[in-house]
C-alpha cells in the first residue's frame, strides 16, 4: 500500500503536468496528498520542515547559477550575438539541415554556460523560421531543442557548466572535467542516435506530405528572421569561450586560494558565531558563478550600444525566467524529498540497493529518482545526498575512480528526468506553442536514447578502463 501511495503521487503530478497545470502549485499538493494518505498528522510538519526546507535549500545553493545563466543568455540575445551564431551555423551546415543546425546551436549555447531554459527562449525563433523554410512539421522543434540542450551538453560532455554536471562535485570531490573520455563518448552516442531518430521522423513526415503547419493552428509564432546586420561570429563566440575557459581555471584556482575550509566572523553588533564554508563542496558552484559573471561583463563590453538601450526591460524577463526555472526545479526537489521520506520510498530504495554493481546501482538510482522528481538536478541531488557514501564505499572496494562515479551520475540524471511533469519540458512546450500530445512523443524518444547512453558509458569503462 505504501508503494502505491508513492506511485499515485507521481502519476498525479505527471497527469496534471501533461494537462498543462503548474508544478509549482501541484508539486506540494501531490507531496502532501501522499503524506496525508500515509500519516495525516505529519502533513504540516512535513510541509514546513521538509518540503519547504529542501526547496529553499536548493534555491540557496543554485539560484545564483539560474539567475546569472538567464542574464547571460539575455545579454547574448540583446547583443545580437545569438543571431550571429545561428546565422554562422546555418551557413556552415546548410538550411536544408535545419535539425542539425538547431541541435548544434543549442549545444554550443548550453555548453557555453547559457541556462537550458534560456536556450529555449533564444533558439525557438530561429528554429521556427528554419523549420518553416524547410517545411518540417513544427511538432519536431521541441524534440530537436531537447536533443541539443537537455542531453549531452547538459550532463555528458566534460567541463559543461550546467548544474547537472556541478552537483556531483560536492559529493565526490571531483571537478566539472571529470572522466573526459567517457563523457565525450557518451555525448557522441546521444548526438548520433538522436539525430538519426529525428531525421527518420522528418523523412516520415515528408513521405506523408506533412509540412510545417500540418498539425493545424499555429500558436506562439515568432516574427520571421530576416538576417539583419550581425556581429562577426568570432566576436559573438568569444563570451561563450570565456565562460568555458574561466570555469576551468576557476575550478582549479578557488580551492588553492581558499583551502579546504574558509571561516570568517561577520562584522555586526555582539559576538556573532563564525561562518564556516566547506570550500570543497561549493567551489565548483563558485567557479560557474564567476565564469558567468565574466561572460556577462564581456558581452556588455563587446556590444555596449546594443545592450545599453534594451537591458532594463531585457533583464526583467531574464530574471522572471530564472525565477520560474528555479522555482519549478526547487518545487520538484521538495516533492522528491517528501516522497523519499515516506515508507513507500523504502520499497523503491531497497529494490535499488539490491543491484550489486556500483555503477549500475548509481545509474538506476539516479535515473529513477530523477523520474520521480521530474528533475535531473533534483533527482540526482536526492540520490547522492542519501546514497553517495554507499556509492563511494562500493566504488573504492571495486577500485573505481571517483571521476567515473561523477560522470555516471551526471549522465544518468539526464535520462528519465524529462517525464511530462519536468519543468524544462513544460517550459519548452509553452514557448513553442505546442502541447504534450503533439510533441512529447519525440521528447520521450530523446529521453530513452539519453537513458541508454549511461549504460553504454558503463560498458565502455568495464571494457576499456578509460576515464
Foldseek 3Di string as FASTA:
>chain_A
DLLVLLVVLLVVLLVVLQVQDACLVSLLVSLLSSVCVFPVVCSVVLVVVFLVVQLVVLCVQCLLLLLLLLLLLLLLQLLQLLVQQLVVLCVVPHLLPLLVSLLVSQQLSQQLSRQLLSSLQRRLQVSLQSQQVNFFALLCVLLSSCLNHQALLQFQAAQRLHLLLQQLQLLLVDASRFQRVLSVVLNVLLVVVLSVVSVVVRVVCVVVVHGHCNVDDFPLHDDHDPDDDHDNNVLSSVLSVQLSVQLVVQLPVVCVVQPQKHWDFDPDPDGDDIDIDRCSNRSSVVSNSVSSVSSSVSSCVVRVVSCVVCVVVSSVVSNVSSVLQSSLLSSLLSSLRSSCPTPSVVVVVVVLVPPLQLLVSLLVQLLVQLLSSLALSSSLNVSCVVCSVVSVVSCVVVVHRSSLVSSLSSLSSSANSNRSSHSSSSSSCVNRVHHCVSHVVSNNVSNHSSSVSSVVSVVCCVVPVRD
